Amino acid sequence: MLKLLLLLCVLFMLNAAWIVGRKIYKAQRHLARQRPEKPAQISSMTEQEVIEQEQQVHLVDAYELELFDDVAQLFFQQQVHIENRAQAEQLQQELLQKMPMHSGTQIRQMDLGEWSIFWNFYDQSLEYYVGRYGVFYAHVDRFGEEHRHEIRRELLHSDCA
């Protein structure tokens, strides 16, 4: 009786191993069919492709770079202090109208009621961040230098939970 039970266990284990092996084989075969065939030889970039990539470089006038920095500098001088989201959208549009044409912007909502307005123009950026500890400005100018300004908020001990 014991030999019969052992024989059944061994047969059961062999059957399970065969099923698992078959599923692995089918999955690999399916992935091989789905995968696109690789080219036999990876060629280096041709001269024409290099020229096309060089043509994709964006030409930006110097005055546009200066304009973005000037708008950011004026924004820093105004020391805007708003915490209302509706006013933030109005501020976002006002500044965007003064910036160069290809500037981008977005309002990001974060945890704990914090949010920020972010403007960018190629490698330049300006951010107005409203957080739990105050209002923070950050600007990366056309030379890659970062400028910061903060208006800190005093917290009560009950806020530090």
Protein backbone atom coordinates (compact mmCIF):
# COMPACT_ATOMS: atom_id res chain seq x y z
CA MET A 1 0.00 0.00 0.00
CA LEU A 2 2.82 2.39 0.87
CA LYS A 3 4.57 1.56 -2.41
CA LEU A 4 1.39 2.35 -4.32
CA LEU A 5 1.02 5.74 -2.59
CA LEU A 6 4.67 6.58 -3.30
CA LEU A 7 4.25 5.56 -6.93
CA LEU A 8 1.15 7.78 -7.25
CA CYS A 9 3.03 10.73 -5.68
CA VAL A 10 5.94 10.29 -8.10
CA LEU A 11 3.56 10.07 -11.07
CA PHE A 12 1.70 13.14 -9.86
CA MET A 13 4.99 15.11 -9.54
CA LEU A 14 6.12 14.01 -13.01
CA ASN A 15 2.78 15.06 -14.47
CA ALA A 16 2.99 18.49 -12.76
CA ALA A 17 6.58 18.98 -13.98
CA TRP A 18 5.54 18.03 -17.52
CA ILE A 19 2.64 20.55 -17.47
CA VAL A 20 4.86 23.36 -16.15
CA GLY A 21 7.55 22.59 -18.73
CA ARG A 22 4.99 22.58 -21.54
CA LYS A 23 3.59 25.97 -20.45
CA ILE A 24 7.10 27.46 -20.33
CA TYR A 25 7.82 26.11 -23.82
CA LYS A 26 4.57 27.56 -25.20
CA ALA A 27 5.22 30.96 -23.61
CA GLN A 28 8.73 31.15 -25.07
CA ARG A 29 7.47 30.13 -28.49
CA HIS A 30 4.72 32.74 -28.33
CA LEU A 31 7.19 35.48 -27.32
CA ALA A 32 9.53 34.48 -30.14
CA ARG A 33 6.72 34.96 -32.66
CA GLN A 34 5.74 38.34 -31.19
CA ARG A 35 9.30 39.70 -31.14
CA PRO A 36 10.26 41.50 -34.37
CA GLU A 37 13.21 40.05 -36.15
CA LYS A 38 16.48 41.86 -35.56
CA PRO A 39 18.40 43.08 -38.57
CA ALA A 40 21.32 40.85 -39.42
CA GLN A 41 23.72 43.70 -39.02
CA ILE A 42 23.41 46.95 -37.08
CA SER A 43 24.70 49.64 -39.36
CA SER A 44 26.20 52.88 -38.19
CA MET A 45 24.38 56.13 -38.88
CA THR A 46 24.69 57.33 -42.41
CA GLU A 47 25.76 60.83 -43.26
CA GLN A 48 22.22 61.71 -44.36
CA GLU A 49 20.78 60.65 -40.96
CA VAL A 50 23.32 62.81 -39.14
CA ILE A 51 22.37 65.80 -41.29
CA GLU A 52 18.67 65.21 -40.59
CA GLN A 53 19.30 65.11 -36.84
CA GLU A 54 21.29 68.33 -36.99
CA GLN A 55 18.39 70.00 -38.78
CA GLN A 56 16.10 69.15 -35.86
CA VAL A 57 18.02 71.52 -33.59
CA HIS A 58 15.72 74.38 -32.56
CA LEU A 59 16.93 77.85 -33.38
CA VAL A 60 16.13 80.22 -30.54
CA ASP A 61 16.78 83.93 -30.72
CA ALA A 62 18.82 85.43 -27.91
CA TYR A 63 16.10 87.95 -27.13
CA GLU A 64 13.66 85.11 -26.37
CA LEU A 65 16.06 83.68 -23.79
CA GLU A 66 16.52 87.15 -22.30
CA LEU A 67 12.76 87.73 -22.33
CA PHE A 68 12.12 84.62 -20.24
CA ASP A 69 14.80 85.70 -17.74
CA ASP A 70 13.38 89.23 -17.60
CA VAL A 71 9.86 87.96 -16.93
CA ALA A 72 11.22 85.73 -14.16
CA GLN A 73 13.15 88.64 -12.66
CA LEU A 74 10.02 90.81 -12.64
CA PHE A 75 8.11 87.96 -11.03
CA PHE A 76 10.74 87.76 -8.28
CA GLN A 77 10.57 91.53 -7.72
CA GLN A 78 6.77 91.50 -7.38
CA GLN A 79 7.00 88.92 -4.57
CA VAL A 80 3.61 87.48 -5.40
CA HIS A 81 2.03 85.67 -2.46
CA ILE A 82 -1.15 83.84 -3.45
CA GLU A 83 -2.46 80.63 -1.99
CA ASN A 84 -5.76 80.37 -3.85
CA ARG A 85 -5.85 77.94 -6.76
CA ALA A 86 -8.17 80.15 -8.86
CA GLN A 87 -5.77 83.07 -8.52
CA ALA A 88 -2.96 80.70 -9.49
CA GLU A 89 -4.56 79.99 -12.84
CA GLN A 90 -4.93 83.71 -13.47
CA LEU A 91 -1.26 84.29 -12.52
CA GLN A 92 -0.23 81.41 -14.77
CA GLN A 93 -1.94 82.97 -17.78
CA GLU A 94 -0.68 86.50 -17.06
CA LEU A 95 2.94 85.37 -16.96
CA LEU A 96 2.56 83.05 -19.94
CA GLN A 97 1.34 85.97 -22.06
CA LYS A 98 4.55 87.88 -21.28
CA MET A 99 6.84 84.93 -22.04
CA PRO A 100 8.24 83.77 -25.40
CA MET A 101 5.88 81.95 -27.74
CA HIS A 102 7.11 78.38 -27.19
CA SER A 103 6.98 78.55 -23.39
CA GLY A 104 5.15 75.77 -21.61
CA THR A 105 3.33 75.81 -18.31
CA GLN A 106 1.43 73.54 -15.95
CA ILE A 107 -0.11 73.59 -12.49
CA ARG A 108 0.78 70.56 -10.42
CA GLN A 109 -1.29 69.42 -7.45
CA MET A 110 0.67 67.57 -4.76
CA ASP A 111 -0.02 65.94 -1.43
CA LEU A 112 -1.06 67.82 1.72
CA GLY A 113 -2.64 70.68 -0.22
CA GLU A 114 0.64 71.75 -1.80
CA TRP A 115 0.76 72.89 -5.43
CA SER A 116 3.05 74.64 -7.86
CA ILE A 117 2.99 76.51 -11.14
CA PHE A 118 5.80 75.60 -13.51
CA TRP A 119 6.85 77.52 -16.62
CA ASN A 120 9.61 76.42 -18.98
CA PHE A 121 11.32 77.56 -22.15
CA TYR A 122 13.79 74.98 -23.46
CA ASP A 123 16.46 74.76 -20.68
CA GLN A 124 15.08 77.64 -18.62
CA SER A 125 12.43 77.24 -15.95
CA LEU A 126 10.47 79.16 -13.36
CA GLU A 127 8.50 77.60 -10.52
CA TYR A 128 6.13 79.08 -7.96
CA TYR A 129 5.60 76.54 -5.18
CA VAL A 130 3.05 76.88 -2.37
CA GLY A 131 3.66 74.42 0.42
CA ARG A 132 3.00 73.84 4.06
CA TYR A 133 6.03 75.87 5.11
CA GLY A 134 5.57 78.85 2.82
CA VAL A 135 5.95 80.07 -0.74
CA PHE A 136 9.07 79.32 -2.75
CA TYR A 137 10.29 80.66 -6.08
CA ALA A 138 12.93 78.92 -8.21
CA HIS A 139 14.34 80.08 -11.54
CA VAL A 140 16.98 78.50 -13.78
CA ASP A 141 18.28 81.16 -16.17
CA ARG A 142 19.77 80.88 -19.66
CA PHE A 143 23.23 80.29 -18.18
CA GLY A 144 22.02 77.34 -16.09
CA GLU A 145 22.26 79.18 -12.76
CA GLU A 146 19.52 78.64 -10.21
CA HIS A 147 17.97 81.54 -8.30
CA ARG A 148 15.71 81.03 -5.28
CA HIS A 149 13.49 83.12 -3.06
CA GLU A 150 11.35 82.00 -0.14
CA ILE A 151 8.59 83.46 1.96
CA ARG A 152 8.41 81.21 5.01
CA ARG A 153 5.27 80.70 7.04
CA GLU A 154 5.39 80.42 10.82
CA LEU A 155 3.80 77.19 11.98
CA LEU A 156 1.99 76.65 15.23
CA HIS A 157 2.96 73.58 17.21
CA SER A 158 -0.49 72.14 16.53
CA ASP A 159 0.37 72.18 12.78
CA CYS A 160 3.44 70.00 13.35
CA ALA A 161 1.44 66.85 13.98
